[in-house]
Amino acid sequence: MLKDLLTHGQRIVFCGTAASAVSAARGEYYAGPGNKFWSILSEVGLTPRQLAPGEYEDLLEFGIGLTDIVKGQAGGDADIDFAQSNPEELRRKIHCFSPALLAFNGKKAAQVFLRKRRVDLGLQIEQVGPTRLFVAPSTSGAANGYWDEGPWCELAKLVREVAN
């Protein structure tokens, strides 16, 4: 669906569950109506302004990368066959590129990657080599009832620390 936005030296890579139907159709990350990804990045200071989904490749300028735990499928969590996910492939990519942080955009992506039924928001004890793992609340419009920007502020603080 969407190509990874990965390179060496990134401060952070965001990992979603899978591309939404809208994102897949447009070929742009976090393009669905109501998704708060682009606004929260600018609100917490990870980007100097709010980017549009079509500008996702500009994230490279800010040391930010993008990927999904499930490739080749699109839709909401109910539409995705998680048995087709490949956590080991993502683990290999993270080992290869070694970003300072891998942040999951929502608990589901983290649960699939960590092979756990339950994960908490925030910094995790697990790491992938030197890469620290963080779980942030999903920015999806479908998760609006559970939205909390607090962990996103905590994440931005961690990103600033690794930049120094």
N, C-alpha and C. Protein backbone atom coordinates (compact mmCIF):
# COMPACT_ATOMS: atom_id res chain seq x y z
N MET A 1 0.84 -1.20 0.00
CA MET A 1 0.00 0.00 0.00
C MET A 1 0.87 1.25 0.00
N LEU A 2 1.34 1.62 1.20
CA LEU A 2 2.18 2.81 1.31
C LEU A 2 3.63 2.40 1.49
N LYS A 3 4.52 3.08 0.80
CA LYS A 3 5.93 2.76 0.95
C LYS A 3 6.43 3.30 2.29
N ASP A 4 7.38 2.57 2.86
CA ASP A 4 8.00 3.01 4.10
C ASP A 4 8.76 4.31 3.87
N LEU A 5 8.80 5.10 4.90
CA LEU A 5 9.60 6.32 4.89
C LEU A 5 10.69 6.12 5.94
N LEU A 6 11.73 5.41 5.55
CA LEU A 6 12.79 5.03 6.47
C LEU A 6 14.15 5.38 5.88
N THR A 7 15.02 5.87 6.74
CA THR A 7 16.39 6.15 6.36
C THR A 7 17.23 6.10 7.63
N HIS A 8 18.53 6.09 7.47
CA HIS A 8 19.41 6.05 8.64
C HIS A 8 19.43 7.41 9.33
N GLY A 9 19.61 7.39 10.64
CA GLY A 9 19.76 8.62 11.41
C GLY A 9 18.46 9.28 11.84
N GLN A 10 17.35 8.60 11.73
CA GLN A 10 16.07 9.21 12.13
C GLN A 10 15.94 9.24 13.65
N ARG A 11 15.34 10.32 14.12
CA ARG A 11 15.08 10.43 15.55
C ARG A 11 13.95 9.51 15.95
N ILE A 12 12.93 9.43 15.09
CA ILE A 12 11.75 8.65 15.43
C ILE A 12 11.10 8.08 14.17
N VAL A 13 10.56 6.88 14.31
CA VAL A 13 9.75 6.27 13.26
C VAL A 13 8.40 5.98 13.87
N PHE A 14 7.35 6.43 13.22
CA PHE A 14 5.98 6.14 13.65
C PHE A 14 5.49 4.91 12.91
N CYS A 15 4.89 3.99 13.66
CA CYS A 15 4.36 2.76 13.08
C CYS A 15 2.86 2.69 13.37
N GLY A 16 2.08 2.73 12.32
CA GLY A 16 0.64 2.56 12.44
C GLY A 16 0.26 1.10 12.27
N THR A 17 -1.02 0.83 12.36
CA THR A 17 -1.51 -0.54 12.19
C THR A 17 -1.46 -0.91 10.71
N ALA A 18 -2.18 -0.17 9.88
CA ALA A 18 -2.23 -0.37 8.43
C ALA A 18 -2.77 0.92 7.82
N ALA A 19 -2.59 1.08 6.55
CA ALA A 19 -3.14 2.26 5.87
C ALA A 19 -4.66 2.21 5.93
N SER A 20 -5.26 3.36 6.16
CA SER A 20 -6.72 3.42 6.07
C SER A 20 -7.12 3.32 4.60
N ALA A 21 -8.38 3.08 4.34
CA ALA A 21 -8.85 3.00 2.96
C ALA A 21 -8.58 4.32 2.23
N VAL A 22 -8.78 5.44 2.91
CA VAL A 22 -8.55 6.75 2.30
C VAL A 22 -7.06 6.94 2.01
N SER A 23 -6.22 6.59 2.98
CA SER A 23 -4.77 6.73 2.79
C SER A 23 -4.28 5.87 1.63
N ALA A 24 -4.78 4.64 1.56
CA ALA A 24 -4.38 3.74 0.47
C ALA A 24 -4.81 4.30 -0.88
N ALA A 25 -6.02 4.81 -0.95
CA ALA A 25 -6.53 5.36 -2.22
C ALA A 25 -5.74 6.58 -2.66
N ARG A 26 -5.32 7.40 -1.71
CA ARG A 26 -4.59 8.63 -2.03
C ARG A 26 -3.08 8.42 -2.07
N GLY A 27 -2.60 7.31 -1.53
CA GLY A 27 -1.16 7.08 -1.46
C GLY A 27 -0.46 8.00 -0.49
N GLU A 28 -1.16 8.36 0.60
CA GLU A 28 -0.64 9.31 1.58
C GLU A 28 -0.94 8.81 2.98
N TYR A 29 0.05 8.87 3.85
CA TYR A 29 -0.14 8.45 5.23
C TYR A 29 -1.12 9.38 5.97
N TYR A 30 -1.93 8.78 6.83
CA TYR A 30 -2.83 9.50 7.74
C TYR A 30 -3.71 10.53 7.03
N ALA A 31 -4.30 10.10 5.92
CA ALA A 31 -5.10 11.00 5.08
C ALA A 31 -6.59 10.98 5.42
N GLY A 32 -7.01 10.08 6.28
CA GLY A 32 -8.43 9.96 6.59
C GLY A 32 -8.97 11.19 7.29
N PRO A 33 -10.25 11.50 7.04
CA PRO A 33 -10.86 12.65 7.72
C PRO A 33 -10.93 12.36 9.22
N GLY A 34 -10.60 13.34 10.00
CA GLY A 34 -10.65 13.17 11.46
C GLY A 34 -9.37 12.63 12.07
N ASN A 35 -8.40 12.24 11.25
CA ASN A 35 -7.14 11.75 11.81
C ASN A 35 -6.33 12.94 12.32
N LYS A 36 -5.86 12.84 13.54
CA LYS A 36 -5.16 13.94 14.19
C LYS A 36 -3.64 13.88 14.07
N PHE A 37 -3.11 12.95 13.29
CA PHE A 37 -1.66 12.76 13.22
C PHE A 37 -0.93 14.06 12.86
N TRP A 38 -1.34 14.68 11.79
CA TRP A 38 -0.61 15.86 11.31
C TRP A 38 -0.75 17.04 12.26
N SER A 39 -1.89 17.20 12.86
CA SER A 39 -2.07 18.31 13.80
C SER A 39 -1.29 18.08 15.09
N ILE A 40 -1.28 16.84 15.61
CA ILE A 40 -0.57 16.61 16.87
C ILE A 40 0.94 16.73 16.68
N LEU A 41 1.46 16.36 15.52
CA LEU A 41 2.90 16.54 15.29
C LEU A 41 3.30 18.00 15.44
N SER A 42 2.50 18.89 14.88
CA SER A 42 2.85 20.31 14.99
C SER A 42 2.53 20.85 16.38
N GLU A 43 1.44 20.41 16.98
CA GLU A 43 1.08 20.89 18.33
C GLU A 43 2.14 20.58 19.36
N VAL A 44 2.76 19.40 19.27
CA VAL A 44 3.78 19.03 20.26
C VAL A 44 5.19 19.43 19.81
N GLY A 45 5.31 20.08 18.66
CA GLY A 45 6.58 20.63 18.21
C GLY A 45 7.50 19.67 17.47
N LEU A 46 6.97 18.56 16.99
CA LEU A 46 7.81 17.65 16.20
C LEU A 46 7.97 18.12 14.76
N THR A 47 7.05 18.95 14.29
CA THR A 47 7.18 19.63 13.01
C THR A 47 6.92 21.11 13.25
N PRO A 48 7.54 22.00 12.48
CA PRO A 48 7.39 23.43 12.73
C PRO A 48 6.03 23.99 12.30
N ARG A 49 5.32 23.22 11.49
CA ARG A 49 3.98 23.62 11.06
C ARG A 49 3.19 22.35 10.77
N GLN A 50 1.90 22.50 10.60
CA GLN A 50 1.08 21.33 10.29
C GLN A 50 1.24 20.97 8.82
N LEU A 51 1.77 19.80 8.59
CA LEU A 51 1.90 19.30 7.22
C LEU A 51 0.58 18.69 6.77
N ALA A 52 0.40 18.62 5.47
CA ALA A 52 -0.75 17.93 4.89
C ALA A 52 -0.31 16.49 4.58
N PRO A 53 -1.25 15.56 4.50
CA PRO A 53 -0.88 14.18 4.19
C PRO A 53 -0.03 14.04 2.93
N GLY A 54 -0.27 14.86 1.93
CA GLY A 54 0.50 14.79 0.70
C GLY A 54 1.95 15.23 0.85
N GLU A 55 2.27 15.82 2.00
CA GLU A 55 3.64 16.27 2.27
C GLU A 55 4.40 15.29 3.16
N TYR A 56 3.90 14.07 3.28
CA TYR A 56 4.48 13.13 4.25
C TYR A 56 5.98 12.90 4.03
N GLU A 57 6.46 12.96 2.80
CA GLU A 57 7.89 12.76 2.56
C GLU A 57 8.74 13.88 3.16
N ASP A 58 8.13 15.03 3.43
CA ASP A 58 8.85 16.13 4.06
C ASP A 58 9.25 15.81 5.50
N LEU A 59 8.63 14.77 6.09
CA LEU A 59 9.00 14.38 7.44
C LEU A 59 10.47 14.00 7.56
N LEU A 60 11.06 13.55 6.46
CA LEU A 60 12.48 13.19 6.48
C LEU A 60 13.35 14.37 6.92
N GLU A 61 12.94 15.60 6.56
CA GLU A 61 13.68 16.79 6.95
C GLU A 61 13.72 16.97 8.47
N PHE A 62 12.76 16.37 9.17
CA PHE A 62 12.66 16.53 10.62
C PHE A 62 13.09 15.27 11.37
N GLY A 63 13.72 14.33 10.66
CA GLY A 63 14.20 13.11 11.28
C GLY A 63 13.10 12.14 11.66
N ILE A 64 11.98 12.21 10.93
CA ILE A 64 10.81 11.39 11.23
C ILE A 64 10.55 10.41 10.09
N GLY A 65 10.27 9.17 10.45
CA GLY A 65 9.94 8.14 9.48
C GLY A 65 8.56 7.56 9.72
N LEU A 66 8.09 6.80 8.74
CA LEU A 66 6.75 6.20 8.81
C LEU A 66 6.75 4.78 8.28
N THR A 67 5.94 3.94 8.90
CA THR A 67 5.71 2.58 8.44
C THR A 67 4.41 2.07 9.07
N ASP A 68 4.04 0.85 8.73
CA ASP A 68 2.87 0.18 9.32
C ASP A 68 3.24 -1.24 9.66
N ILE A 69 2.60 -1.82 10.66
CA ILE A 69 2.85 -3.20 11.05
C ILE A 69 2.26 -4.18 10.04
N VAL A 70 1.18 -3.77 9.35
CA VAL A 70 0.55 -4.62 8.33
C VAL A 70 0.70 -3.91 6.99
N LYS A 71 1.41 -4.54 6.08
CA LYS A 71 1.59 -3.98 4.74
C LYS A 71 0.69 -4.76 3.77
N GLY A 72 0.26 -4.12 2.70
CA GLY A 72 -0.51 -4.80 1.66
C GLY A 72 -1.99 -4.92 1.95
N GLN A 73 -2.46 -4.32 3.03
CA GLN A 73 -3.88 -4.31 3.35
C GLN A 73 -4.26 -2.88 3.76
N ALA A 74 -5.53 -2.57 3.61
CA ALA A 74 -6.00 -1.24 3.99
C ALA A 74 -7.36 -1.35 4.66
N GLY A 75 -7.64 -0.38 5.52
CA GLY A 75 -8.92 -0.33 6.20
C GLY A 75 -8.73 -0.13 7.69
N GLY A 76 -9.83 -0.23 8.41
CA GLY A 76 -9.79 -0.14 9.86
C GLY A 76 -9.37 -1.48 10.46
N ASP A 77 -9.17 -1.50 11.76
CA ASP A 77 -8.73 -2.72 12.43
C ASP A 77 -9.64 -3.91 12.14
N ALA A 78 -10.94 -3.67 12.03
CA ALA A 78 -11.89 -4.76 11.79
C ALA A 78 -11.72 -5.36 10.38
N ASP A 79 -11.10 -4.60 9.48
CA ASP A 79 -10.91 -5.05 8.10
C ASP A 79 -9.59 -5.77 7.86
N ILE A 80 -8.69 -5.69 8.83
CA ILE A 80 -7.33 -6.18 8.65
C ILE A 80 -7.19 -7.61 9.15
N ASP A 81 -6.50 -8.44 8.37
CA ASP A 81 -6.16 -9.80 8.78
C ASP A 81 -4.78 -9.73 9.44
N PHE A 82 -4.77 -9.65 10.76
CA PHE A 82 -3.51 -9.48 11.48
C PHE A 82 -2.62 -10.71 11.42
N ALA A 83 -3.17 -11.84 11.03
CA ALA A 83 -2.35 -13.03 10.83
C ALA A 83 -1.37 -12.82 9.67
N GLN A 84 -1.66 -11.85 8.81
CA GLN A 84 -0.78 -11.53 7.68
C GLN A 84 0.27 -10.48 8.02
N SER A 85 0.30 -10.04 9.28
CA SER A 85 1.31 -9.05 9.69
C SER A 85 2.67 -9.74 9.75
N ASN A 86 3.71 -8.93 9.75
CA ASN A 86 5.06 -9.49 9.78
C ASN A 86 5.92 -8.69 10.76
N PRO A 87 5.71 -8.93 12.07
CA PRO A 87 6.50 -8.20 13.06
C PRO A 87 8.01 -8.38 12.90
N GLU A 88 8.42 -9.57 12.45
CA GLU A 88 9.85 -9.80 12.29
C GLU A 88 10.45 -8.95 11.17
N GLU A 89 9.67 -8.71 10.12
CA GLU A 89 10.15 -7.83 9.05
C GLU A 89 10.33 -6.41 9.58
N LEU A 90 9.39 -5.93 10.38
CA LEU A 90 9.53 -4.61 10.97
C LEU A 90 10.74 -4.59 11.91
N ARG A 91 10.91 -5.62 12.69
CA ARG A 91 12.06 -5.70 13.59
C ARG A 91 13.38 -5.61 12.79
N ARG A 92 13.45 -6.30 11.65
CA ARG A 92 14.64 -6.24 10.80
C ARG A 92 14.87 -4.81 10.28
N LYS A 93 13.79 -4.16 9.87
CA LYS A 93 13.92 -2.78 9.37
C LYS A 93 14.44 -1.85 10.47
N ILE A 94 13.91 -2.02 11.68
CA ILE A 94 14.34 -1.16 12.79
C ILE A 94 15.79 -1.46 13.14
N HIS A 95 16.19 -2.71 13.15
CA HIS A 95 17.60 -3.06 13.38
C HIS A 95 18.48 -2.41 12.31
N CYS A 96 18.05 -2.44 11.07
CA CYS A 96 18.83 -1.90 9.96
C CYS A 96 18.99 -0.38 10.07
N PHE A 97 17.89 0.32 10.31
CA PHE A 97 17.92 1.79 10.30
C PHE A 97 18.21 2.40 11.66
N SER A 98 17.95 1.69 12.74
CA SER A 98 18.24 2.10 14.12
C SER A 98 17.81 3.52 14.46
N PRO A 99 16.52 3.84 14.30
CA PRO A 99 16.08 5.15 14.78
C PRO A 99 16.20 5.19 16.31
N ALA A 100 16.26 6.37 16.87
CA ALA A 100 16.33 6.48 18.33
C ALA A 100 15.06 5.93 18.97
N LEU A 101 13.91 6.19 18.35
CA LEU A 101 12.62 5.77 18.89
C LEU A 101 11.75 5.15 17.81
N LEU A 102 11.01 4.13 18.20
CA LEU A 102 9.94 3.58 17.38
C LEU A 102 8.66 3.82 18.16
N ALA A 103 7.78 4.65 17.62
CA ALA A 103 6.54 5.00 18.30
C ALA A 103 5.36 4.37 17.57
N PHE A 104 4.58 3.61 18.31
CA PHE A 104 3.39 3.00 17.75
C PHE A 104 2.24 3.98 17.86
N ASN A 105 1.58 4.22 16.74
CA ASN A 105 0.42 5.10 16.70
C ASN A 105 -0.80 4.24 17.03
N GLY A 106 -1.00 4.01 18.32
CA GLY A 106 -2.10 3.19 18.80
C GLY A 106 -1.61 1.88 19.38
N LYS A 107 -2.39 1.36 20.30
CA LYS A 107 -2.02 0.13 21.00
C LYS A 107 -2.02 -1.10 20.10
N LYS A 108 -2.91 -1.16 19.12
CA LYS A 108 -3.02 -2.37 18.30
C LYS A 108 -1.72 -2.69 17.57
N ALA A 109 -1.09 -1.70 16.98
CA ALA A 109 0.17 -1.94 16.28
C ALA A 109 1.22 -2.46 17.26
N ALA A 110 1.26 -1.90 18.46
CA ALA A 110 2.22 -2.35 19.48
C ALA A 110 1.91 -3.77 19.93
N GLN A 111 0.65 -4.08 20.11
CA GLN A 111 0.27 -5.43 20.53
C GLN A 111 0.70 -6.47 19.49
N VAL A 112 0.50 -6.15 18.22
CA VAL A 112 0.90 -7.07 17.16
C VAL A 112 2.42 -7.22 17.13
N PHE A 113 3.12 -6.11 17.21
CA PHE A 113 4.58 -6.15 17.15
C PHE A 113 5.18 -6.89 18.35
N LEU A 114 4.69 -6.57 19.53
CA LEU A 114 5.24 -7.16 20.76
C LEU A 114 4.63 -8.53 21.09
N ARG A 115 3.62 -8.90 20.30
CA ARG A 115 2.92 -10.18 20.53
C ARG A 115 2.40 -10.27 21.96
N LYS A 116 1.72 -9.20 22.36
CA LYS A 116 1.13 -9.12 23.69
C LYS A 116 -0.34 -8.78 23.56
N ARG A 117 -1.13 -9.30 24.45
CA ARG A 117 -2.57 -8.98 24.45
C ARG A 117 -2.83 -7.60 25.02
N ARG A 118 -1.94 -7.14 25.89
CA ARG A 118 -2.16 -5.87 26.57
C ARG A 118 -0.86 -5.08 26.57
N VAL A 119 -0.95 -3.82 26.21
CA VAL A 119 0.19 -2.91 26.32
C VAL A 119 -0.31 -1.62 26.94
N ASP A 120 0.56 -0.95 27.63
CA ASP A 120 0.23 0.35 28.22
C ASP A 120 0.79 1.45 27.32
N LEU A 121 0.20 2.62 27.44
CA LEU A 121 0.72 3.79 26.74
C LEU A 121 2.05 4.18 27.36
N GLY A 122 2.88 4.83 26.57
CA GLY A 122 4.14 5.35 27.08
C GLY A 122 5.34 4.53 26.67
N LEU A 123 6.47 4.83 27.31
CA LEU A 123 7.73 4.16 27.03
C LEU A 123 7.65 2.71 27.49
N GLN A 124 8.13 1.81 26.66
CA GLN A 124 8.09 0.38 26.95
C GLN A 124 9.44 -0.09 27.48
N ILE A 125 9.45 -1.23 28.16
CA ILE A 125 10.72 -1.77 28.65
C ILE A 125 11.48 -2.47 27.52
N GLU A 126 10.75 -2.97 26.53
CA GLU A 126 11.39 -3.64 25.40
C GLU A 126 12.10 -2.61 24.52
N GLN A 127 13.13 -3.09 23.84
CA GLN A 127 13.84 -2.29 22.85
C GLN A 127 14.14 -3.18 21.66
N VAL A 128 14.45 -2.55 20.54
CA VAL A 128 14.96 -3.26 19.37
C VAL A 128 16.37 -2.74 19.16
N GLY A 129 17.35 -3.50 19.64
CA GLY A 129 18.71 -2.99 19.66
C GLY A 129 18.73 -1.73 20.50
N PRO A 130 19.30 -0.64 19.99
CA PRO A 130 19.31 0.61 20.76
C PRO A 130 18.01 1.42 20.65
N THR A 131 17.09 0.98 19.81
CA THR A 131 15.85 1.73 19.58
C THR A 131 14.86 1.51 20.71
N ARG A 132 14.45 2.62 21.32
CA ARG A 132 13.46 2.57 22.39
C ARG A 132 12.06 2.55 21.78
N LEU A 133 11.13 1.89 22.46
CA LEU A 133 9.77 1.75 21.97
C LEU A 133 8.81 2.57 22.81
N PHE A 134 7.85 3.19 22.14
CA PHE A 134 6.86 4.04 22.81
C PHE A 134 5.50 3.75 22.19
N VAL A 135 4.45 3.72 23.02
CA VAL A 135 3.09 3.53 22.54
C VAL A 135 2.31 4.82 22.81
N ALA A 136 1.79 5.41 21.73
CA ALA A 136 1.00 6.64 21.82
C ALA A 136 -0.46 6.32 21.51
N PRO A 137 -1.37 7.13 22.01
CA PRO A 137 -2.78 6.93 21.65
C PRO A 137 -2.98 7.09 20.15
N SER A 138 -3.83 6.28 19.59
CA SER A 138 -4.11 6.35 18.15
C SER A 138 -4.67 7.71 17.76
N THR A 139 -4.18 8.20 16.63
CA THR A 139 -4.68 9.48 16.10
C THR A 139 -5.89 9.29 15.20
N SER A 140 -6.29 8.04 14.98
CA SER A 140 -7.43 7.76 14.10
C SER A 140 -8.70 8.44 14.60
N GLY A 141 -9.49 8.90 13.66
CA GLY A 141 -10.78 9.47 14.03
C GLY A 141 -11.67 8.46 14.74
N ALA A 142 -11.48 7.17 14.44
CA ALA A 142 -12.26 6.12 15.10
C ALA A 142 -11.92 6.00 16.58
N ALA A 143 -10.79 6.56 17.01
CA ALA A 143 -10.37 6.48 18.41
C ALA A 143 -10.59 7.79 19.16
N ASN A 144 -11.36 8.70 18.60
CA ASN A 144 -11.55 10.01 19.23
C ASN A 144 -12.05 9.92 20.67
N GLY A 145 -12.86 8.91 20.98
CA GLY A 145 -13.39 8.77 22.33
C GLY A 145 -12.32 8.46 23.37
N TYR A 146 -11.15 8.04 22.93
CA TYR A 146 -10.07 7.67 23.84
C TYR A 146 -8.88 8.61 23.73
N TRP A 147 -9.05 9.72 23.04
CA TRP A 147 -7.93 10.60 22.75
C TRP A 147 -7.36 11.25 24.01
N ASP A 148 -6.06 11.25 24.09
CA ASP A 148 -5.33 11.89 25.17
C ASP A 148 -4.01 12.37 24.59
N GLU A 149 -3.81 13.66 24.55
CA GLU A 149 -2.58 14.16 23.95
C GLU A 149 -1.40 14.12 24.91
N GLY A 150 -1.65 13.82 26.18
CA GLY A 150 -0.57 13.77 27.17
C GLY A 150 0.59 12.88 26.76
N PRO A 151 0.34 11.62 26.38
CA PRO A 151 1.47 10.78 25.94
C PRO A 151 2.20 11.32 24.72
N TRP A 152 1.49 12.03 23.85
CA TRP A 152 2.16 12.64 22.69
C TRP A 152 3.11 13.75 23.14
N CYS A 153 2.75 14.48 24.18
CA CYS A 153 3.65 15.50 24.73
C CYS A 153 4.88 14.83 25.34
N GLU A 154 4.66 13.72 26.06
CA GLU A 154 5.77 12.95 26.64
C GLU A 154 6.69 12.43 25.53
N LEU A 155 6.11 11.95 24.46
CA LEU A 155 6.89 11.44 23.34
C LEU A 155 7.73 12.55 22.70
N ALA A 156 7.14 13.70 22.51
CA ALA A 156 7.87 14.84 21.92
C ALA A 156 9.06 15.22 22.80
N LYS A 157 8.89 15.16 24.10
CA LYS A 157 9.99 15.45 25.02
C LYS A 157 11.12 14.45 24.83
N LEU A 158 10.79 13.17 24.70
CA LEU A 158 11.80 12.14 24.45
C LEU A 158 12.53 12.39 23.13
N VAL A 159 11.80 12.77 22.10
CA VAL A 159 12.41 13.05 20.80
C VAL A 159 13.39 14.22 20.91
N ARG A 160 13.00 15.25 21.63
CA ARG A 160 13.90 16.41 21.81
C ARG A 160 15.16 15.99 22.58
N GLU A 161 15.01 15.09 23.56
CA GLU A 161 16.16 14.63 24.33
C GLU A 161 17.15 13.87 23.44
N VAL A 162 16.66 13.03 22.54
CA VAL A 162 17.57 12.28 21.69
C VAL A 162 18.22 13.16 20.63
N ALA A 163 17.61 14.30 20.36
CA ALA A 163 18.17 15.22 19.36
C ALA A 163 19.35 16.00 19.94
N ASN A 164 19.42 16.06 21.25
CA ASN A 164 20.49 16.85 21.90
C ASN A 164 21.72 16.02 22.20
